[in-house]
Amino acid sequence: MTAKRSPTKVDPELATQLDAADPDDASVQAVVYLRSGSKGGPAEVSKRADQVIASATTKAGTEPSRVNVMRYLGTVAIEAPASFVRALLDEDDIESALANVHLGDDDPGLGRPSAEGEAVAEAPTSDPPASTSTKSRSSARKSSTR
């Protein structure tokens, strides 16, 4: 007998936003937590995120407009039509989900849906280049020990 997975926990605000978006399949922003978290490291998190996104895309017949995989946290921030978000929530590897934007957020630009046809920068798929701040810190250390 196969163990049944526990249901995906959904933030009540996200559920409200999904219900409001359903008639027009409007865009919703959500943050989802992978069931296995960050186990296996960043590369494994990216792989699992790609798999659940591909599966939800196939099931919903639509795709997200923006995705940000937080590889070290085992989470994915996503903007997509409500039908896609619902399909994503049905994936086995999604533990929980919450709305990325809540009424009363102080920053009016926070979670602003991308405008129709607006270019959205893709998140880099490789690790960012090493910071040059290490050099300035070591220079500061040298000058403070003189």
N, C-alpha and C. Protein backbone atom coordinates (compact mmCIF):
# COMPACT_ATOMS: atom_id res chain seq x y z
N MET A 1 0.85 -1.18 0.00
CA MET A 1 0.00 0.00 0.00
C MET A 1 0.89 1.24 0.00
N THR A 2 0.62 2.18 -0.86
CA THR A 2 1.40 3.41 -0.97
C THR A 2 0.90 4.42 0.05
N ALA A 3 1.86 5.05 0.75
CA ALA A 3 1.48 6.06 1.73
C ALA A 3 0.94 7.29 1.00
N LYS A 4 -0.18 7.80 1.49
CA LYS A 4 -0.78 8.98 0.89
C LYS A 4 -0.05 10.21 1.42
N ARG A 5 0.28 11.14 0.52
CA ARG A 5 0.95 12.36 0.95
C ARG A 5 -0.04 13.25 1.68
N SER A 6 0.49 14.05 2.59
CA SER A 6 -0.39 14.99 3.28
C SER A 6 -0.81 16.07 2.29
N PRO A 7 -1.99 16.64 2.48
CA PRO A 7 -2.45 17.65 1.52
C PRO A 7 -1.57 18.90 1.58
N THR A 8 -1.52 19.62 0.47
CA THR A 8 -0.78 20.87 0.40
C THR A 8 -1.47 21.89 1.29
N LYS A 9 -0.68 22.54 2.15
CA LYS A 9 -1.23 23.60 3.00
C LYS A 9 -1.27 24.89 2.19
N VAL A 10 -2.42 25.54 2.15
CA VAL A 10 -2.60 26.75 1.34
C VAL A 10 -3.02 27.91 2.24
N ASP A 11 -2.26 28.99 2.15
CA ASP A 11 -2.55 30.23 2.86
C ASP A 11 -3.97 30.70 2.50
N PRO A 12 -4.78 31.06 3.50
CA PRO A 12 -6.15 31.52 3.20
C PRO A 12 -6.18 32.71 2.23
N GLU A 13 -5.21 33.60 2.32
CA GLU A 13 -5.16 34.75 1.40
C GLU A 13 -4.93 34.28 -0.04
N LEU A 14 -4.08 33.29 -0.23
CA LEU A 14 -3.86 32.75 -1.58
C LEU A 14 -5.13 32.10 -2.09
N ALA A 15 -5.83 31.36 -1.25
CA ALA A 15 -7.08 30.72 -1.67
C ALA A 15 -8.10 31.79 -2.10
N THR A 16 -8.18 32.89 -1.36
CA THR A 16 -9.09 33.99 -1.70
C THR A 16 -8.70 34.60 -3.05
N GLN A 17 -7.39 34.83 -3.25
CA GLN A 17 -6.92 35.41 -4.51
C GLN A 17 -7.19 34.48 -5.68
N LEU A 18 -7.01 33.18 -5.49
CA LEU A 18 -7.28 32.21 -6.55
C LEU A 18 -8.77 32.22 -6.92
N ASP A 19 -9.64 32.25 -5.90
CA ASP A 19 -11.09 32.29 -6.16
C ASP A 19 -11.47 33.55 -6.94
N ALA A 20 -10.87 34.69 -6.56
CA ALA A 20 -11.17 35.95 -7.25
C ALA A 20 -10.64 35.95 -8.68
N ALA A 21 -9.54 35.26 -8.92
CA ALA A 21 -8.91 35.25 -10.24
C ALA A 21 -9.53 34.22 -11.20
N ASP A 22 -10.24 33.24 -10.66
CA ASP A 22 -10.76 32.14 -11.48
C ASP A 22 -11.61 32.54 -12.69
N PRO A 23 -12.58 33.44 -12.55
CA PRO A 23 -13.46 33.71 -13.71
C PRO A 23 -12.69 34.12 -14.97
N ASP A 24 -11.65 34.90 -14.83
CA ASP A 24 -10.87 35.36 -15.99
C ASP A 24 -9.53 34.65 -16.12
N ASP A 25 -9.26 33.71 -15.21
CA ASP A 25 -7.96 33.05 -15.13
C ASP A 25 -6.84 34.10 -15.02
N ALA A 26 -7.12 35.10 -14.18
CA ALA A 26 -6.17 36.20 -13.98
C ALA A 26 -4.90 35.70 -13.31
N SER A 27 -3.88 36.52 -13.39
CA SER A 27 -2.58 36.18 -12.84
C SER A 27 -2.57 36.30 -11.31
N VAL A 28 -1.90 35.36 -10.67
CA VAL A 28 -1.76 35.32 -9.22
C VAL A 28 -0.29 35.09 -8.90
N GLN A 29 0.18 35.72 -7.83
CA GLN A 29 1.56 35.49 -7.39
C GLN A 29 1.54 34.64 -6.13
N ALA A 30 2.40 33.62 -6.11
CA ALA A 30 2.45 32.71 -4.97
C ALA A 30 3.89 32.31 -4.70
N VAL A 31 4.13 31.90 -3.47
CA VAL A 31 5.41 31.31 -3.09
C VAL A 31 5.08 29.90 -2.64
N VAL A 32 5.71 28.91 -3.26
CA VAL A 32 5.47 27.52 -2.90
C VAL A 32 6.72 26.91 -2.31
N TYR A 33 6.50 26.04 -1.35
CA TYR A 33 7.59 25.34 -0.66
C TYR A 33 7.60 23.90 -1.14
N LEU A 34 8.75 23.46 -1.59
CA LEU A 34 8.87 22.07 -2.03
C LEU A 34 8.82 21.15 -0.82
N ARG A 35 8.15 20.03 -0.96
CA ARG A 35 7.97 19.07 0.13
C ARG A 35 9.31 18.60 0.68
N SER A 36 10.27 18.41 -0.18
CA SER A 36 11.57 17.91 0.25
C SER A 36 12.52 19.04 0.63
N GLY A 37 12.04 20.28 0.63
CA GLY A 37 12.87 21.41 1.04
C GLY A 37 14.11 21.55 0.19
N SER A 38 15.22 21.83 0.84
CA SER A 38 16.47 22.04 0.10
C SER A 38 17.35 20.79 0.11
N LYS A 39 16.77 19.63 0.45
CA LYS A 39 17.54 18.37 0.45
C LYS A 39 18.15 18.12 -0.92
N GLY A 40 19.38 17.67 -0.93
CA GLY A 40 20.06 17.37 -2.19
C GLY A 40 20.82 18.55 -2.75
N GLY A 41 20.70 19.70 -2.14
CA GLY A 41 21.44 20.87 -2.57
C GLY A 41 20.74 21.66 -3.66
N PRO A 42 21.34 22.79 -4.02
CA PRO A 42 20.71 23.72 -4.97
C PRO A 42 20.40 23.11 -6.33
N ALA A 43 21.29 22.28 -6.85
CA ALA A 43 21.04 21.69 -8.17
C ALA A 43 19.81 20.79 -8.14
N GLU A 44 19.65 20.03 -7.07
CA GLU A 44 18.50 19.14 -6.94
C GLU A 44 17.21 19.93 -6.77
N VAL A 45 17.27 21.03 -6.02
CA VAL A 45 16.09 21.90 -5.86
C VAL A 45 15.67 22.45 -7.21
N SER A 46 16.63 22.94 -8.00
CA SER A 46 16.31 23.48 -9.33
C SER A 46 15.68 22.41 -10.21
N LYS A 47 16.21 21.20 -10.14
CA LYS A 47 15.68 20.09 -10.95
C LYS A 47 14.23 19.78 -10.55
N ARG A 48 13.97 19.68 -9.24
CA ARG A 48 12.61 19.38 -8.78
C ARG A 48 11.65 20.51 -9.13
N ALA A 49 12.12 21.76 -8.99
CA ALA A 49 11.27 22.91 -9.35
C ALA A 49 10.91 22.85 -10.83
N ASP A 50 11.89 22.58 -11.68
CA ASP A 50 11.63 22.47 -13.12
C ASP A 50 10.61 21.37 -13.40
N GLN A 51 10.73 20.24 -12.67
CA GLN A 51 9.81 19.12 -12.89
C GLN A 51 8.38 19.47 -12.52
N VAL A 52 8.17 20.10 -11.35
CA VAL A 52 6.80 20.42 -10.95
C VAL A 52 6.21 21.51 -11.84
N ILE A 53 7.05 22.45 -12.29
CA ILE A 53 6.56 23.50 -13.19
C ILE A 53 6.17 22.90 -14.54
N ALA A 54 6.99 22.00 -15.05
CA ALA A 54 6.68 21.34 -16.33
C ALA A 54 5.39 20.53 -16.22
N SER A 55 5.23 19.80 -15.12
CA SER A 55 4.03 18.99 -14.93
C SER A 55 2.79 19.87 -14.82
N ALA A 56 2.87 20.94 -14.04
CA ALA A 56 1.72 21.85 -13.89
C ALA A 56 1.40 22.54 -15.21
N THR A 57 2.42 22.86 -16.00
CA THR A 57 2.22 23.47 -17.31
C THR A 57 1.42 22.54 -18.22
N THR A 58 1.78 21.26 -18.21
CA THR A 58 1.08 20.27 -19.02
C THR A 58 -0.37 20.12 -18.56
N LYS A 59 -0.57 20.03 -17.25
CA LYS A 59 -1.92 19.82 -16.72
C LYS A 59 -2.82 21.04 -16.92
N ALA A 60 -2.27 22.23 -16.75
CA ALA A 60 -3.08 23.46 -16.84
C ALA A 60 -3.22 23.96 -18.27
N GLY A 61 -2.29 23.58 -19.14
CA GLY A 61 -2.33 24.08 -20.52
C GLY A 61 -1.90 25.53 -20.62
N THR A 62 -1.24 26.02 -19.60
CA THR A 62 -0.72 27.38 -19.57
C THR A 62 0.57 27.37 -18.78
N GLU A 63 1.31 28.46 -18.84
CA GLU A 63 2.59 28.48 -18.14
C GLU A 63 2.75 29.77 -17.34
N PRO A 64 3.70 29.77 -16.41
CA PRO A 64 3.91 30.97 -15.60
C PRO A 64 4.55 32.08 -16.41
N SER A 65 4.27 33.32 -16.01
CA SER A 65 4.92 34.46 -16.67
C SER A 65 6.23 34.82 -15.97
N ARG A 66 6.33 34.52 -14.68
CA ARG A 66 7.57 34.77 -13.95
C ARG A 66 7.81 33.65 -12.95
N VAL A 67 9.09 33.26 -12.82
CA VAL A 67 9.48 32.21 -11.88
C VAL A 67 10.79 32.61 -11.25
N ASN A 68 10.89 32.42 -9.94
CA ASN A 68 12.15 32.63 -9.23
C ASN A 68 12.35 31.45 -8.29
N VAL A 69 13.30 30.59 -8.63
CA VAL A 69 13.61 29.43 -7.81
C VAL A 69 14.65 29.84 -6.78
N MET A 70 14.30 29.71 -5.53
CA MET A 70 15.24 30.01 -4.43
C MET A 70 15.87 28.69 -4.01
N ARG A 71 16.94 28.36 -4.72
CA ARG A 71 17.55 27.04 -4.65
C ARG A 71 18.07 26.66 -3.26
N TYR A 72 18.49 27.61 -2.49
CA TYR A 72 19.04 27.30 -1.18
C TYR A 72 17.95 27.19 -0.11
N LEU A 73 16.73 27.58 -0.45
CA LEU A 73 15.62 27.54 0.50
C LEU A 73 14.58 26.48 0.16
N GLY A 74 14.64 25.95 -1.05
CA GLY A 74 13.66 24.96 -1.47
C GLY A 74 12.29 25.58 -1.72
N THR A 75 12.29 26.83 -2.21
CA THR A 75 11.03 27.52 -2.49
C THR A 75 11.04 28.08 -3.90
N VAL A 76 9.84 28.36 -4.41
CA VAL A 76 9.68 28.92 -5.74
C VAL A 76 8.65 30.04 -5.66
N ALA A 77 9.03 31.23 -6.12
CA ALA A 77 8.08 32.34 -6.26
C ALA A 77 7.62 32.34 -7.71
N ILE A 78 6.32 32.50 -7.91
CA ILE A 78 5.78 32.33 -9.25
C ILE A 78 4.64 33.31 -9.49
N GLU A 79 4.56 33.78 -10.71
CA GLU A 79 3.39 34.55 -11.16
C GLU A 79 2.84 33.80 -12.35
N ALA A 80 1.55 33.47 -12.27
CA ALA A 80 0.94 32.65 -13.32
C ALA A 80 -0.57 32.76 -13.26
N PRO A 81 -1.24 32.33 -14.34
CA PRO A 81 -2.70 32.29 -14.30
C PRO A 81 -3.17 31.38 -13.15
N ALA A 82 -4.33 31.69 -12.62
CA ALA A 82 -4.88 30.93 -11.49
C ALA A 82 -4.94 29.43 -11.79
N SER A 83 -5.29 29.07 -13.03
CA SER A 83 -5.37 27.65 -13.38
C SER A 83 -4.03 26.95 -13.23
N PHE A 84 -2.94 27.65 -13.58
CA PHE A 84 -1.61 27.08 -13.42
C PHE A 84 -1.28 26.92 -11.93
N VAL A 85 -1.55 27.96 -11.14
CA VAL A 85 -1.23 27.89 -9.71
C VAL A 85 -1.99 26.74 -9.06
N ARG A 86 -3.26 26.57 -9.43
CA ARG A 86 -4.03 25.44 -8.88
C ARG A 86 -3.41 24.10 -9.28
N ALA A 87 -2.98 23.98 -10.54
CA ALA A 87 -2.33 22.74 -10.98
C ALA A 87 -1.03 22.52 -10.22
N LEU A 88 -0.30 23.58 -9.96
CA LEU A 88 0.95 23.48 -9.21
C LEU A 88 0.68 23.00 -7.78
N LEU A 89 -0.38 23.50 -7.17
CA LEU A 89 -0.72 23.10 -5.81
C LEU A 89 -1.09 21.62 -5.72
N ASP A 90 -1.50 21.03 -6.83
CA ASP A 90 -1.86 19.61 -6.86
C ASP A 90 -0.64 18.69 -7.02
N GLU A 91 0.52 19.27 -7.28
CA GLU A 91 1.73 18.47 -7.45
C GLU A 91 2.16 17.85 -6.12
N ASP A 92 2.62 16.59 -6.17
CA ASP A 92 3.02 15.87 -4.96
C ASP A 92 4.16 16.55 -4.22
N ASP A 93 5.07 17.22 -4.92
CA ASP A 93 6.25 17.78 -4.25
C ASP A 93 6.02 19.20 -3.70
N ILE A 94 4.77 19.65 -3.69
CA ILE A 94 4.48 20.96 -3.11
C ILE A 94 3.92 20.76 -1.70
N GLU A 95 4.66 21.26 -0.72
CA GLU A 95 4.30 21.12 0.70
C GLU A 95 3.26 22.16 1.11
N SER A 96 3.54 23.43 0.77
CA SER A 96 2.66 24.52 1.17
C SER A 96 2.82 25.69 0.22
N ALA A 97 1.87 26.61 0.29
CA ALA A 97 1.91 27.77 -0.60
C ALA A 97 1.27 28.95 0.10
N LEU A 98 1.79 30.12 -0.22
CA LEU A 98 1.21 31.34 0.33
C LEU A 98 1.19 32.43 -0.72
N ALA A 99 0.32 33.39 -0.49
CA ALA A 99 0.21 34.53 -1.41
C ALA A 99 1.48 35.36 -1.30
N ASN A 100 1.99 35.81 -2.42
CA ASN A 100 3.18 36.66 -2.43
C ASN A 100 2.81 38.09 -2.09
N VAL A 101 1.56 38.46 -2.29
CA VAL A 101 1.08 39.81 -2.04
C VAL A 101 -0.13 39.72 -1.12
N HIS A 102 -0.13 40.55 -0.08
CA HIS A 102 -1.26 40.61 0.84
C HIS A 102 -1.81 42.03 0.85
N LEU A 103 -3.10 42.17 1.01
CA LEU A 103 -3.72 43.50 1.12
C LEU A 103 -3.04 44.24 2.27
N GLY A 104 -2.76 45.51 2.03
CA GLY A 104 -2.13 46.32 3.06
C GLY A 104 -0.61 46.30 3.02
N ASP A 105 -0.02 45.60 2.06
CA ASP A 105 1.44 45.65 1.94
C ASP A 105 1.83 47.11 1.73
N ASP A 106 2.87 47.55 2.43
CA ASP A 106 3.28 48.96 2.38
C ASP A 106 3.87 49.39 1.05
N ASP A 107 4.58 48.52 0.38
CA ASP A 107 5.26 48.87 -0.86
C ASP A 107 4.30 48.70 -2.03
N PRO A 108 3.89 49.79 -2.68
CA PRO A 108 2.93 49.66 -3.78
C PRO A 108 3.49 48.89 -4.96
N GLY A 109 4.80 48.78 -5.11
CA GLY A 109 5.39 48.02 -6.21
C GLY A 109 5.57 46.55 -5.88
N LEU A 110 5.43 46.19 -4.61
CA LEU A 110 5.63 44.82 -4.19
C LEU A 110 4.60 43.92 -4.84
N GLY A 111 5.07 42.92 -5.52
CA GLY A 111 4.17 41.97 -6.13
C GLY A 111 3.36 42.52 -7.28
N ARG A 112 3.79 43.65 -7.84
CA ARG A 112 3.07 44.25 -8.96
C ARG A 112 3.11 43.28 -10.13
N PRO A 113 1.97 42.85 -10.62
CA PRO A 113 1.97 41.94 -11.79
C PRO A 113 2.66 42.61 -12.97
N SER A 114 3.37 41.81 -13.73
CA SER A 114 4.04 42.37 -14.90
C SER A 114 2.99 42.83 -15.89
N ALA A 115 3.25 43.96 -16.54
CA ALA A 115 2.32 44.50 -17.52
C ALA A 115 2.30 43.60 -18.74
N GLU A 116 1.19 43.58 -19.41
CA GLU A 116 1.05 42.77 -20.63
C GLU A 116 2.14 43.16 -21.61
N GLY A 117 2.93 42.19 -22.02
CA GLY A 117 3.98 42.43 -23.00
C GLY A 117 5.25 43.02 -22.41
N GLU A 118 5.29 43.27 -21.11
CA GLU A 118 6.48 43.82 -20.48
C GLU A 118 7.57 42.75 -20.46
N ALA A 119 8.76 43.15 -20.80
CA ALA A 119 9.87 42.20 -20.78
C ALA A 119 10.23 41.90 -19.33
N VAL A 120 10.42 40.62 -19.04
CA VAL A 120 10.78 40.20 -17.69
C VAL A 120 12.13 39.51 -17.77
N ALA A 121 13.05 39.96 -16.94
CA ALA A 121 14.39 39.36 -16.93
C ALA A 121 14.31 37.96 -16.36
N GLU A 122 14.99 37.05 -17.00
CA GLU A 122 15.06 35.67 -16.52
C GLU A 122 16.08 35.57 -15.40
N ALA A 123 15.78 34.75 -14.41
CA ALA A 123 16.74 34.53 -13.33
C ALA A 123 17.90 33.70 -13.87
N PRO A 124 19.13 34.02 -13.44
CA PRO A 124 20.27 33.24 -13.92
C PRO A 124 20.17 31.80 -13.44
N THR A 125 20.60 30.87 -14.29
CA THR A 125 20.52 29.47 -13.91
C THR A 125 21.81 28.98 -13.26
N SER A 126 22.86 29.74 -13.36
CA SER A 126 24.10 29.34 -12.71
C SER A 126 24.37 30.23 -11.52
N ASP A 127 25.32 29.81 -10.69
CA ASP A 127 25.66 30.61 -9.53
C ASP A 127 26.21 31.95 -9.98
N PRO A 128 25.91 33.02 -9.23
CA PRO A 128 26.42 34.34 -9.60
C PRO A 128 27.93 34.39 -9.46
N PRO A 129 28.59 35.29 -10.20
CA PRO A 129 30.04 35.37 -10.10
C PRO A 129 30.44 35.80 -8.70
N ALA A 130 31.65 35.46 -8.33
CA ALA A 130 32.15 35.80 -7.00
C ALA A 130 32.16 37.31 -6.83
N SER A 131 31.82 37.74 -5.64
CA SER A 131 31.75 39.16 -5.34
C SER A 131 33.15 39.74 -5.20
N THR A 132 33.29 40.99 -5.59
CA THR A 132 34.59 41.65 -5.44
C THR A 132 34.71 42.27 -4.06
N SER A 133 33.67 42.16 -3.23
CA SER A 133 33.71 42.76 -1.91
C SER A 133 34.74 42.08 -1.02
N THR A 134 35.12 40.82 -1.31
CA THR A 134 36.15 40.13 -0.54
C THR A 134 37.45 40.89 -0.64
N LYS A 135 37.77 41.38 -1.83
CA LYS A 135 38.99 42.12 -2.04
C LYS A 135 39.01 43.38 -1.19
N SER A 136 37.90 44.11 -1.18
CA SER A 136 37.86 45.35 -0.41
C SER A 136 37.93 45.05 1.09
N ARG A 137 37.34 43.92 1.53
CA ARG A 137 37.42 43.57 2.95
C ARG A 137 38.84 43.24 3.33
N SER A 138 39.56 42.49 2.46
CA SER A 138 40.94 42.14 2.81
C SER A 138 41.81 43.39 2.79
N SER A 139 41.56 44.33 1.89
CA SER A 139 42.30 45.59 1.86
C SER A 139 42.04 46.38 3.13
N ALA A 140 40.78 46.36 3.58
CA ALA A 140 40.44 47.07 4.81
C ALA A 140 41.14 46.45 6.00
N ARG A 141 41.23 45.10 6.00
CA ARG A 141 41.93 44.42 7.10
C ARG A 141 43.39 44.79 7.11
N LYS A 142 44.01 44.81 5.92
CA LYS A 142 45.44 45.13 5.84
C LYS A 142 45.69 46.55 6.34
N SER A 143 44.83 47.50 5.95
CA SER A 143 45.05 48.86 6.35
C SER A 143 44.81 49.05 7.85
N SER A 144 43.93 48.23 8.44
CA SER A 144 43.65 48.39 9.86
C SER A 144 44.72 47.74 10.72
N THR A 145 45.56 46.87 10.13
CA THR A 145 46.61 46.21 10.93
C THR A 145 47.95 46.91 10.80
N ARG A 146 48.04 47.97 10.03
CA ARG A 146 49.30 48.67 9.84
C ARG A 146 49.62 49.56 10.97
